[in-house]
């Protein structure tokens, strides 16, 4: 049995806080070949998940808030926001499923935020994500401005 408790969430959160990317996964699946990828995803405010979709091969993805607050955003093919939801278990908003072929991203709204993520596998680095060309690449100087614009456009508050 794999137990998900405060000790595990604290551990992955500590690692996210010192990671240059401000996020850290803790995988439950046995390897990239698993047909169901399962992981904790600890994300700190300021981390950037470049908008992407899972297509060819098509994959569904679901996120469940275990701690903190996260915003899941869906985009159209031009980068316009078409939907979003705030996941916060303390407020009764527990999770969201992203259909295959759907542009999406996540913004951490609170330090210590951790999601349980489930995604169709297997995982192959070259085909797992199709990154949006209309969004800046991770690590580029435009990232902070892009994140700030998304946060402002959605009227989000980051703690």
N, C-alpha and C. Protein backbone atom coordinates (compact mmCIF):
# COMPACT_ATOMS: atom_id res chain seq x y z
N UNK A 1 0.84 -1.18 0.00
CA UNK A 1 0.00 0.00 0.00
C UNK A 1 0.89 1.24 0.00
N UNK A 2 0.54 2.19 -0.84
CA UNK A 2 1.23 3.48 -0.85
C UNK A 2 0.36 4.45 -0.07
N UNK A 3 0.93 5.05 0.94
CA UNK A 3 0.16 5.98 1.78
C UNK A 3 0.53 7.41 1.43
N UNK A 4 -0.50 8.22 1.26
CA UNK A 4 -0.31 9.64 0.98
C UNK A 4 -0.71 10.38 2.24
N UNK A 5 0.27 10.93 2.94
CA UNK A 5 0.00 11.60 4.22
C UNK A 5 0.77 12.92 4.28
N UNK A 6 0.61 13.62 5.40
CA UNK A 6 1.28 14.92 5.56
C UNK A 6 2.80 14.80 5.42
N UNK A 7 3.37 13.73 5.93
CA UNK A 7 4.81 13.56 5.85
C UNK A 7 5.29 13.52 4.39
N UNK A 8 4.58 12.78 3.55
CA UNK A 8 4.95 12.70 2.13
C UNK A 8 4.72 14.05 1.44
N UNK A 9 3.59 14.69 1.71
CA UNK A 9 3.32 16.00 1.10
C UNK A 9 4.37 17.02 1.54
N UNK A 10 4.75 16.99 2.81
CA UNK A 10 5.79 17.91 3.30
C UNK A 10 7.11 17.66 2.59
N UNK A 11 7.46 16.39 2.39
CA UNK A 11 8.72 16.05 1.73
C UNK A 11 8.77 16.57 0.30
N UNK A 12 7.73 16.31 -0.47
CA UNK A 12 7.73 16.74 -1.87
C UNK A 12 7.64 18.26 -1.97
N UNK A 13 6.95 18.89 -1.03
CA UNK A 13 6.88 20.36 -1.00
C UNK A 13 8.24 20.96 -0.70
N UNK A 14 8.97 20.39 0.25
CA UNK A 14 10.33 20.88 0.56
C UNK A 14 11.21 20.82 -0.69
N UNK A 15 11.11 19.74 -1.43
CA UNK A 15 11.92 19.59 -2.64
C UNK A 15 11.50 20.59 -3.72
N UNK A 16 10.20 20.86 -3.84
CA UNK A 16 9.73 21.85 -4.82
C UNK A 16 10.26 23.24 -4.49
N UNK A 17 10.27 23.58 -3.22
CA UNK A 17 10.69 24.92 -2.81
C UNK A 17 12.15 25.22 -3.14
N UNK A 18 12.99 24.19 -3.16
CA UNK A 18 14.41 24.41 -3.46
C UNK A 18 14.77 24.08 -4.91
N UNK A 19 13.80 23.59 -5.66
CA UNK A 19 14.04 23.27 -7.07
C UNK A 19 14.06 24.55 -7.89
N UNK A 20 14.98 24.67 -8.85
CA UNK A 20 14.99 25.86 -9.72
C UNK A 20 13.66 26.05 -10.45
N UNK A 21 12.93 24.97 -10.71
CA UNK A 21 11.65 25.06 -11.43
C UNK A 21 10.47 25.31 -10.47
N UNK A 22 10.72 25.30 -9.17
CA UNK A 22 9.70 25.51 -8.14
C UNK A 22 8.58 24.46 -8.19
N UNK A 23 8.93 23.26 -8.61
CA UNK A 23 7.97 22.16 -8.58
C UNK A 23 8.73 20.85 -8.52
N UNK A 24 8.01 19.82 -8.06
CA UNK A 24 8.63 18.51 -7.92
C UNK A 24 7.54 17.44 -7.99
N UNK A 25 7.85 16.39 -8.72
CA UNK A 25 6.96 15.22 -8.81
C UNK A 25 7.43 14.14 -7.85
N UNK A 26 6.48 13.36 -7.38
CA UNK A 26 6.76 12.13 -6.64
C UNK A 26 5.94 11.06 -7.35
N UNK A 27 6.61 10.18 -8.07
CA UNK A 27 5.92 9.20 -8.91
C UNK A 27 5.51 7.96 -8.13
N UNK A 28 4.30 7.48 -8.40
CA UNK A 28 3.80 6.23 -7.85
C UNK A 28 3.87 5.11 -8.88
N UNK A 29 3.85 5.45 -10.16
CA UNK A 29 3.93 4.42 -11.20
C UNK A 29 5.34 3.82 -11.23
N UNK A 30 5.41 2.61 -11.74
CA UNK A 30 6.69 1.87 -11.67
C UNK A 30 7.70 2.34 -12.71
N UNK A 31 7.25 3.02 -13.74
CA UNK A 31 8.17 3.49 -14.76
C UNK A 31 7.43 4.11 -15.92
N UNK A 32 8.17 4.63 -16.90
CA UNK A 32 7.55 5.33 -18.03
C UNK A 32 6.63 4.45 -18.87
N UNK A 33 6.82 3.14 -18.82
CA UNK A 33 6.00 2.24 -19.63
C UNK A 33 4.61 1.99 -19.05
N UNK A 34 4.37 2.37 -17.80
CA UNK A 34 3.05 2.17 -17.19
C UNK A 34 1.97 2.86 -18.01
N UNK A 35 0.86 2.19 -18.17
CA UNK A 35 -0.23 2.76 -18.96
C UNK A 35 -1.06 3.78 -18.17
N UNK A 36 -0.83 3.85 -16.86
CA UNK A 36 -1.47 4.90 -16.05
C UNK A 36 -0.39 5.54 -15.19
N UNK A 37 -0.03 6.77 -15.53
CA UNK A 37 0.97 7.52 -14.80
C UNK A 37 0.29 8.21 -13.62
N UNK A 38 0.84 8.03 -12.39
CA UNK A 38 0.26 8.59 -11.19
C UNK A 38 1.36 9.25 -10.37
N UNK A 39 1.10 10.47 -9.92
CA UNK A 39 2.15 11.19 -9.20
C UNK A 39 1.59 12.31 -8.34
N UNK A 40 2.37 12.71 -7.35
CA UNK A 40 2.14 13.96 -6.66
C UNK A 40 2.88 15.02 -7.45
N UNK A 41 2.29 16.19 -7.55
CA UNK A 41 2.93 17.30 -8.25
C UNK A 41 2.87 18.50 -7.30
N UNK A 42 4.00 18.77 -6.61
CA UNK A 42 4.08 19.93 -5.71
C UNK A 42 4.51 21.13 -6.54
N UNK A 43 3.77 22.22 -6.42
CA UNK A 43 4.03 23.41 -7.22
C UNK A 43 3.98 24.65 -6.36
N UNK A 44 4.99 25.46 -6.46
CA UNK A 44 5.07 26.72 -5.73
C UNK A 44 4.66 27.87 -6.65
N UNK A 45 4.14 28.97 -6.09
CA UNK A 45 3.86 30.14 -6.92
C UNK A 45 5.11 30.56 -7.69
N UNK A 46 4.90 30.90 -8.94
CA UNK A 46 6.00 31.30 -9.81
C UNK A 46 6.50 30.19 -10.71
N UNK A 47 6.10 28.93 -10.43
CA UNK A 47 6.49 27.87 -11.34
C UNK A 47 5.73 28.07 -12.65
N UNK A 48 6.32 27.61 -13.73
CA UNK A 48 5.71 27.80 -15.05
C UNK A 48 5.57 26.46 -15.74
N UNK A 49 4.33 26.12 -16.04
CA UNK A 49 4.04 24.94 -16.84
C UNK A 49 3.57 25.46 -18.20
N UNK A 50 4.44 25.40 -19.17
CA UNK A 50 4.13 25.93 -20.50
C UNK A 50 2.85 25.26 -21.01
N UNK A 51 1.91 26.05 -21.52
CA UNK A 51 0.69 25.45 -22.07
C UNK A 51 1.05 24.36 -23.08
N UNK A 52 0.32 23.27 -22.96
CA UNK A 52 0.59 22.10 -23.80
C UNK A 52 -0.69 21.29 -23.94
N UNK A 53 -0.65 20.32 -24.83
CA UNK A 53 -1.73 19.35 -24.96
C UNK A 53 -1.10 17.99 -25.20
N UNK A 54 -1.90 16.97 -24.99
CA UNK A 54 -1.44 15.59 -25.19
C UNK A 54 -2.18 15.05 -26.41
N UNK A 55 -1.45 14.91 -27.49
CA UNK A 55 -2.03 14.53 -28.78
C UNK A 55 -1.00 13.71 -29.55
N UNK A 56 -1.45 12.65 -30.15
CA UNK A 56 -0.56 11.79 -30.95
C UNK A 56 0.63 11.27 -30.16
N UNK A 57 0.45 10.51 -29.13
CA UNK A 57 -0.78 9.84 -28.75
C UNK A 57 -1.66 10.72 -27.85
N UNK A 58 -2.96 10.55 -28.00
CA UNK A 58 -3.93 11.27 -27.19
C UNK A 58 -3.90 10.74 -25.76
N UNK A 59 -3.93 11.68 -24.81
CA UNK A 59 -3.92 11.30 -23.40
C UNK A 59 -4.81 12.22 -22.59
N UNK A 60 -5.54 11.62 -21.67
CA UNK A 60 -6.31 12.39 -20.70
C UNK A 60 -5.43 12.64 -19.48
N UNK A 61 -5.79 13.69 -18.74
CA UNK A 61 -5.02 14.03 -17.55
C UNK A 61 -5.99 14.57 -16.51
N UNK A 62 -5.81 14.17 -15.25
CA UNK A 62 -6.67 14.65 -14.18
C UNK A 62 -5.81 15.13 -13.02
N UNK A 63 -6.30 16.18 -12.36
CA UNK A 63 -5.62 16.76 -11.21
C UNK A 63 -6.60 16.85 -10.05
N UNK A 64 -6.10 16.49 -8.86
CA UNK A 64 -6.90 16.57 -7.64
C UNK A 64 -6.09 17.35 -6.60
N UNK A 65 -6.69 18.39 -6.04
CA UNK A 65 -6.00 19.21 -5.05
C UNK A 65 -5.95 18.47 -3.72
N UNK A 66 -4.75 18.24 -3.23
CA UNK A 66 -4.58 17.64 -1.91
C UNK A 66 -4.29 18.70 -0.86
N UNK A 67 -3.59 19.75 -1.30
CA UNK A 67 -3.20 20.82 -0.39
C UNK A 67 -3.03 22.09 -1.22
N UNK A 68 -3.42 23.21 -0.63
CA UNK A 68 -3.20 24.49 -1.29
C UNK A 68 -4.24 24.80 -2.35
N UNK A 69 -3.83 25.61 -3.31
CA UNK A 69 -4.75 26.13 -4.31
C UNK A 69 -4.04 26.24 -5.66
N UNK A 70 -4.71 25.74 -6.70
CA UNK A 70 -4.16 25.71 -8.06
C UNK A 70 -5.22 26.15 -9.05
N UNK A 71 -4.81 26.82 -10.10
CA UNK A 71 -5.73 27.19 -11.17
C UNK A 71 -5.39 26.36 -12.41
N UNK A 72 -6.38 25.63 -12.92
CA UNK A 72 -6.24 24.88 -14.16
C UNK A 72 -6.85 25.74 -15.26
N UNK A 73 -6.11 25.95 -16.34
CA UNK A 73 -6.57 26.81 -17.43
C UNK A 73 -6.60 26.00 -18.72
N UNK A 74 -7.68 26.18 -19.49
CA UNK A 74 -7.77 25.61 -20.84
C UNK A 74 -7.74 26.76 -21.84
N UNK A 75 -7.08 26.51 -22.98
CA UNK A 75 -6.91 27.52 -24.03
C UNK A 75 -7.44 26.98 -25.35
N UNK A 76 -7.74 27.92 -26.28
CA UNK A 76 -8.04 27.50 -27.65
C UNK A 76 -6.73 27.44 -28.44
N UNK A 77 -6.83 27.16 -29.72
CA UNK A 77 -5.63 26.99 -30.55
C UNK A 77 -4.81 28.26 -30.75
N UNK A 78 -5.39 29.42 -30.40
CA UNK A 78 -4.66 30.68 -30.55
C UNK A 78 -4.11 31.21 -29.22
N UNK A 79 -4.38 30.48 -28.13
CA UNK A 79 -3.90 30.89 -26.82
C UNK A 79 -4.89 31.69 -26.00
N UNK A 80 -6.11 31.85 -26.50
CA UNK A 80 -7.13 32.54 -25.72
C UNK A 80 -7.69 31.59 -24.66
N UNK A 81 -7.92 32.11 -23.48
CA UNK A 81 -8.47 31.30 -22.39
C UNK A 81 -9.93 30.97 -22.70
N UNK A 82 -10.28 29.69 -22.63
CA UNK A 82 -11.67 29.28 -22.87
C UNK A 82 -12.34 28.79 -21.60
N UNK A 83 -11.55 28.38 -20.59
CA UNK A 83 -12.14 27.93 -19.34
C UNK A 83 -11.04 27.87 -18.29
N UNK A 84 -11.45 27.95 -17.05
CA UNK A 84 -10.51 27.76 -15.94
C UNK A 84 -11.29 27.37 -14.69
N UNK A 85 -10.59 26.78 -13.76
CA UNK A 85 -11.18 26.45 -12.47
C UNK A 85 -10.10 26.52 -11.41
N UNK A 86 -10.51 26.87 -10.22
CA UNK A 86 -9.58 26.90 -9.08
C UNK A 86 -9.81 25.63 -8.28
N UNK A 87 -8.75 24.86 -8.09
CA UNK A 87 -8.83 23.67 -7.26
C UNK A 87 -8.36 24.04 -5.86
N UNK A 88 -9.21 23.78 -4.88
CA UNK A 88 -8.90 24.06 -3.48
C UNK A 88 -9.79 23.16 -2.64
N UNK A 89 -9.21 22.08 -2.12
CA UNK A 89 -10.00 21.09 -1.38
C UNK A 89 -10.69 21.71 -0.17
N UNK A 90 -10.10 22.74 0.43
CA UNK A 90 -10.72 23.36 1.61
C UNK A 90 -11.99 24.12 1.25
N UNK A 91 -12.18 24.38 -0.05
CA UNK A 91 -13.39 25.09 -0.50
C UNK A 91 -14.31 24.19 -1.32
N UNK A 92 -14.04 22.88 -1.32
CA UNK A 92 -14.93 21.94 -2.01
C UNK A 92 -14.73 21.84 -3.50
N UNK A 93 -13.63 22.35 -4.01
CA UNK A 93 -13.31 22.22 -5.44
C UNK A 93 -12.10 21.30 -5.55
N UNK A 94 -12.36 20.03 -5.80
CA UNK A 94 -11.36 18.99 -5.61
C UNK A 94 -10.50 18.66 -6.83
N UNK A 95 -11.09 18.68 -8.00
CA UNK A 95 -10.30 18.21 -9.13
C UNK A 95 -10.87 18.63 -10.47
N UNK A 96 -10.11 18.31 -11.50
CA UNK A 96 -10.53 18.59 -12.87
C UNK A 96 -9.86 17.59 -13.80
N UNK A 97 -10.58 17.20 -14.83
CA UNK A 97 -10.01 16.32 -15.85
C UNK A 97 -9.88 17.09 -17.15
N UNK A 98 -8.72 16.96 -17.76
CA UNK A 98 -8.43 17.63 -19.02
C UNK A 98 -8.55 16.59 -20.13
N UNK A 99 -9.45 16.81 -21.10
CA UNK A 99 -9.56 15.85 -22.21
C UNK A 99 -8.31 15.87 -23.10
N UNK A 100 -8.11 14.79 -23.81
CA UNK A 100 -7.02 14.76 -24.77
C UNK A 100 -7.19 15.88 -25.79
N UNK A 101 -6.09 16.30 -26.38
CA UNK A 101 -6.06 17.34 -27.43
C UNK A 101 -6.53 18.71 -26.94
N UNK A 102 -6.41 18.98 -25.64
CA UNK A 102 -6.85 20.25 -25.06
C UNK A 102 -5.64 21.00 -24.51
N UNK A 103 -5.43 22.22 -24.99
CA UNK A 103 -4.35 23.07 -24.48
C UNK A 103 -4.64 23.40 -23.03
N UNK A 104 -3.65 23.28 -22.16
CA UNK A 104 -3.87 23.57 -20.75
C UNK A 104 -2.57 23.93 -20.04
N UNK A 105 -2.73 24.54 -18.87
CA UNK A 105 -1.63 24.88 -17.99
C UNK A 105 -2.16 24.94 -16.57
N UNK A 106 -1.24 25.06 -15.62
CA UNK A 106 -1.60 25.15 -14.21
C UNK A 106 -0.80 26.28 -13.59
N UNK A 107 -1.46 27.05 -12.73
CA UNK A 107 -0.79 28.09 -11.97
C UNK A 107 -0.97 27.78 -10.49
N UNK A 108 0.13 27.75 -9.75
CA UNK A 108 0.07 27.57 -8.30
C UNK A 108 -0.29 28.91 -7.67
N UNK A 109 -1.33 28.89 -6.85
CA UNK A 109 -1.81 30.12 -6.23
C UNK A 109 -1.39 30.26 -4.77
N UNK A 110 -0.78 29.21 -4.24
CA UNK A 110 -0.45 29.22 -2.81
C UNK A 110 0.78 28.34 -2.56
N UNK A 111 1.67 28.82 -1.73
CA UNK A 111 2.83 28.02 -1.37
C UNK A 111 2.38 26.73 -0.69
N UNK A 112 3.05 25.64 -1.01
CA UNK A 112 2.71 24.35 -0.43
C UNK A 112 1.63 23.59 -1.19
N UNK A 113 1.25 24.07 -2.38
CA UNK A 113 0.19 23.40 -3.15
C UNK A 113 0.70 22.08 -3.71
N UNK A 114 -0.14 21.05 -3.55
CA UNK A 114 0.20 19.73 -4.06
C UNK A 114 -1.04 19.14 -4.72
N UNK A 115 -0.86 18.64 -5.94
CA UNK A 115 -1.94 17.96 -6.67
C UNK A 115 -1.57 16.49 -6.85
N UNK A 116 -2.58 15.65 -6.85
CA UNK A 116 -2.41 14.27 -7.28
C UNK A 116 -2.78 14.27 -8.75
N UNK A 117 -1.86 13.81 -9.57
CA UNK A 117 -2.04 13.85 -11.02
C UNK A 117 -2.09 12.43 -11.57
N UNK A 118 -3.04 12.22 -12.48
CA UNK A 118 -3.18 10.94 -13.17
C UNK A 118 -3.22 11.23 -14.66
N UNK A 119 -2.42 10.49 -15.42
CA UNK A 119 -2.37 10.71 -16.86
C UNK A 119 -2.21 9.37 -17.56
N UNK A 120 -2.85 9.25 -18.71
CA UNK A 120 -2.64 8.05 -19.52
C UNK A 120 -1.16 7.92 -19.84
N UNK A 121 -0.68 6.69 -19.85
CA UNK A 121 0.69 6.40 -20.23
C UNK A 121 0.67 5.63 -21.54
N UNK A 122 1.78 5.13 -21.95
CA UNK A 122 3.09 5.30 -21.32
C UNK A 122 3.66 6.69 -21.57
N UNK A 123 4.73 7.00 -20.83
CA UNK A 123 5.39 8.28 -20.97
C UNK A 123 6.59 8.15 -21.91
N UNK A 124 6.63 8.99 -22.92
CA UNK A 124 7.79 9.08 -23.82
C UNK A 124 8.12 10.56 -23.96
N UNK A 125 9.29 10.96 -23.55
CA UNK A 125 9.66 12.38 -23.51
C UNK A 125 9.46 13.08 -24.85
N UNK A 126 9.68 12.39 -25.97
CA UNK A 126 9.57 13.06 -27.28
C UNK A 126 8.14 13.24 -27.74
N UNK A 127 7.18 12.49 -27.18
CA UNK A 127 5.80 12.61 -27.66
C UNK A 127 4.80 12.90 -26.55
N UNK A 128 5.24 13.10 -25.32
CA UNK A 128 4.30 13.28 -24.22
C UNK A 128 3.52 14.58 -24.32
N UNK A 129 4.20 15.66 -24.68
CA UNK A 129 3.55 16.97 -24.71
C UNK A 129 3.79 17.65 -26.04
N UNK A 130 2.75 18.31 -26.52
CA UNK A 130 2.86 19.21 -27.65
C UNK A 130 2.79 20.61 -27.06
N UNK A 131 3.92 21.32 -27.06
CA UNK A 131 3.95 22.65 -26.45
C UNK A 131 3.39 23.71 -27.38
N UNK A 132 2.68 24.67 -26.78
CA UNK A 132 2.07 25.77 -27.54
C UNK A 132 3.14 26.72 -28.04
N UNK A 133 3.11 27.00 -29.33
CA UNK A 133 4.08 27.94 -29.91
C UNK A 133 3.72 29.38 -29.54
N UNK A 134 2.48 29.63 -29.12
CA UNK A 134 2.04 30.97 -28.75
C UNK A 134 2.39 31.34 -27.30
N UNK A 135 3.03 30.43 -26.57
CA UNK A 135 3.43 30.69 -25.18
C UNK A 135 4.94 30.59 -25.08
N UNK A 136 5.55 31.38 -24.20
CA UNK A 136 7.01 31.34 -24.10
C UNK A 136 7.52 29.99 -23.61
N UNK A 137 8.70 29.65 -24.05
CA UNK A 137 9.36 28.42 -23.61
C UNK A 137 9.79 28.57 -22.15
N UNK A 138 9.77 27.46 -21.43
CA UNK A 138 10.23 27.47 -20.05
C UNK A 138 11.67 27.99 -20.00
N UNK A 139 11.92 28.88 -19.03
CA UNK A 139 13.26 29.44 -18.88
C UNK A 139 13.52 30.70 -19.67
N UNK A 140 12.59 31.07 -20.56
CA UNK A 140 12.81 32.28 -21.35
C UNK A 140 12.45 33.52 -20.54
N UNK A 141 13.02 34.68 -20.91
CA UNK A 141 12.76 35.91 -20.15
C UNK A 141 11.30 36.37 -20.18
N UNK A 142 10.53 35.91 -21.14
CA UNK A 142 9.12 36.33 -21.27
C UNK A 142 8.18 35.61 -20.30
N UNK A 143 8.66 34.59 -19.62
CA UNK A 143 7.78 33.76 -18.77
C UNK A 143 7.09 34.56 -17.68
N UNK A 144 7.83 35.37 -16.93
CA UNK A 144 7.23 36.11 -15.82
C UNK A 144 6.10 37.02 -16.31
N UNK A 145 6.34 37.74 -17.40
CA UNK A 145 5.32 38.62 -17.94
C UNK A 145 4.09 37.83 -18.40
N UNK A 146 4.32 36.69 -19.05
CA UNK A 146 3.21 35.85 -19.51
C UNK A 146 2.37 35.36 -18.33
N UNK A 147 3.04 34.86 -17.28
CA UNK A 147 2.31 34.40 -16.09
C UNK A 147 1.54 35.56 -15.45
N UNK A 148 2.17 36.71 -15.32
CA UNK A 148 1.50 37.89 -14.75
C UNK A 148 0.26 38.26 -15.55
N UNK A 149 0.35 38.18 -16.88
CA UNK A 149 -0.81 38.50 -17.73
C UNK A 149 -1.95 37.50 -17.51
N UNK A 150 -1.63 36.21 -17.42
CA UNK A 150 -2.67 35.21 -17.16
C UNK A 150 -3.34 35.46 -15.81
N UNK A 151 -2.54 35.71 -14.79
CA UNK A 151 -3.06 35.95 -13.45
C UNK A 151 -3.97 37.17 -13.45
N UNK A 152 -3.56 38.25 -14.11
CA UNK A 152 -4.37 39.47 -14.19
C UNK A 152 -5.64 39.25 -14.98
N UNK A 153 -5.53 38.57 -16.12
CA UNK A 153 -6.69 38.33 -16.98
C UNK A 153 -7.77 37.53 -16.25
N UNK A 154 -7.35 36.60 -15.41
CA UNK A 154 -8.31 35.75 -14.69
C UNK A 154 -8.68 36.34 -13.32
N UNK A 155 -8.06 37.46 -12.93
CA UNK A 155 -8.36 38.07 -11.64
C UNK A 155 -7.95 37.19 -10.48
N UNK A 156 -6.85 36.48 -10.62
CA UNK A 156 -6.40 35.55 -9.58
C UNK A 156 -5.61 36.27 -8.51
N UNK A 157 -5.62 35.71 -7.32
CA UNK A 157 -4.79 36.19 -6.23
C UNK A 157 -3.79 35.11 -5.85
N UNK A 158 -2.52 35.45 -5.88
CA UNK A 158 -1.47 34.51 -5.53
C UNK A 158 -0.97 34.85 -4.14
N UNK A 159 -1.04 33.86 -3.24
CA UNK A 159 -0.61 34.10 -1.84
C UNK A 159 0.85 33.76 -1.68
